[in-house]
Amino acid sequence: MQLVDLSRQSLALQRFIQDQTLCPATFNADICAQDEMYLFALANHGIPERACIRYYFNGRRILDTVHQVLNWNFEDLNRISSFLDFASGYGRFTRFLVQDLPPQKIWISDIYAQAVEFQKEQFGVQGIVSTTYPQDYPIQQSFDCILACSFFSHLPEATFFSWLQKLYSLLSPQGILMFSVHDRLLLPSHLAISPTDILFIPNSESRSLDVNQYGTAYVGETFVANCLNTISKGEAIYSRIPQGICRYQDLYLVTRHPQKPLSSLKFSHNPQGKIEQCELTSEGNLLLKGWVSEINPHSQLEEILVFVNGTLIQNCLLSIHPSETESQWSWSCQVPLGKNSQQSIILIKAINSQGLEWVFETTTVENLIQIYSNLF
């Protein structure tokens, strides 16, 4: 099985891992070369190093979401005896989860047998090869937590219902199911949703799965609520977090016997932003301009930090000012490079008052200038 691991020779990847993982020394950076999530990032970013960082950062953002739910529901992660990451792919999220939960408590499952084997070998977790139809799914045990991230966002109506029924049946009495969907608000304007509040399109980024079984689905809350009510005979309690996964897909939380009201979860999103300009000034400073969005009603942006070779050089907070919307802010700062060379590693990130982060870039100063200097 061919692996992608640039972290051994990429100082930028090493700096990102140092900054964004719980235990950098034990973080497994290996990516399977067949991982469709990595290949999707590579197609978007073009450069393997940047693709790896985006891949890891999306896994980290999913962890930030799952962390909030688990800490709220269980209070102590030691109370979790079993976690199922369903449709887990090649471990974009698992590599972060194993730093929080012992691998013997984690089960992963995917339709690709190679992906299951990869995760078992790399992360020491238990693996279950999934099936096209839920009635053939080869497991009967229950789980305290089940995550199905970006799975139901690809299913037609019949299999959406039957897989939801299957996963719900695998919940322990106090367990919680987390799954994400494309909400109907993401539907392209030229398309119309059905009266049942779902639209399935036989098209997806998967390179090998049957698009009639695994395409792109958009759903409204009415459809999800009706499914949950039917499969549980009115027993299931659910809550919806708009854009709860990476500020894109909606996240649903489902439980039989909530230990506390689902409304008591004060969920926070990561900030999100973009660098729009980067250039060297005549004084030898690095001029950075960009925007950042903070949509949480109960938190605010705390700071934008610039690190060079791991040393904090600049806090850009004072240069932030409101932009065209209440949730989006523009920022700019000049970073004195001093004796640092253009091969120095620069990491730029925003942090909100909940401690959640957005990493704009981690790369060399030279690459940063090349990427952004011609955008204006």
Foldseek 3Di string as FASTA:
>chain_A
DDKDDCCVPAPLVLVLLVPQAPDSVPQDLIDHPPQLQLVVLCVVPVDSVRSSSVLLVLLSQVVLLVVLVCCVQVVDPVVFQAEEEEQCTQQSNPSRVCVPDPQARYEYEHCDPVSQVNCCVRRVHHYFHQDLALVPGPDQAAGQEYEHEPQLQFADDVRNLRVVLSNQNRHDQAHKYKYWHQEPVPPPPVDDADPLFKDHDLDDSDPDDGSNGTPGMYGHPSNVVVSVCVSVVNQKDKDWDQCSRQNGIIMMMIHRDGPDDPVPRQDAHAKDWEWAAWDADPVRWIKTKIKIFGDRPPKFWDWKFKDWLRHTFDTFVVQWDDDPDPGMIMTMDIGRCPPPDQQIWMWIWIAMPVRHIDTHDTGGNVVVNVVRHPND
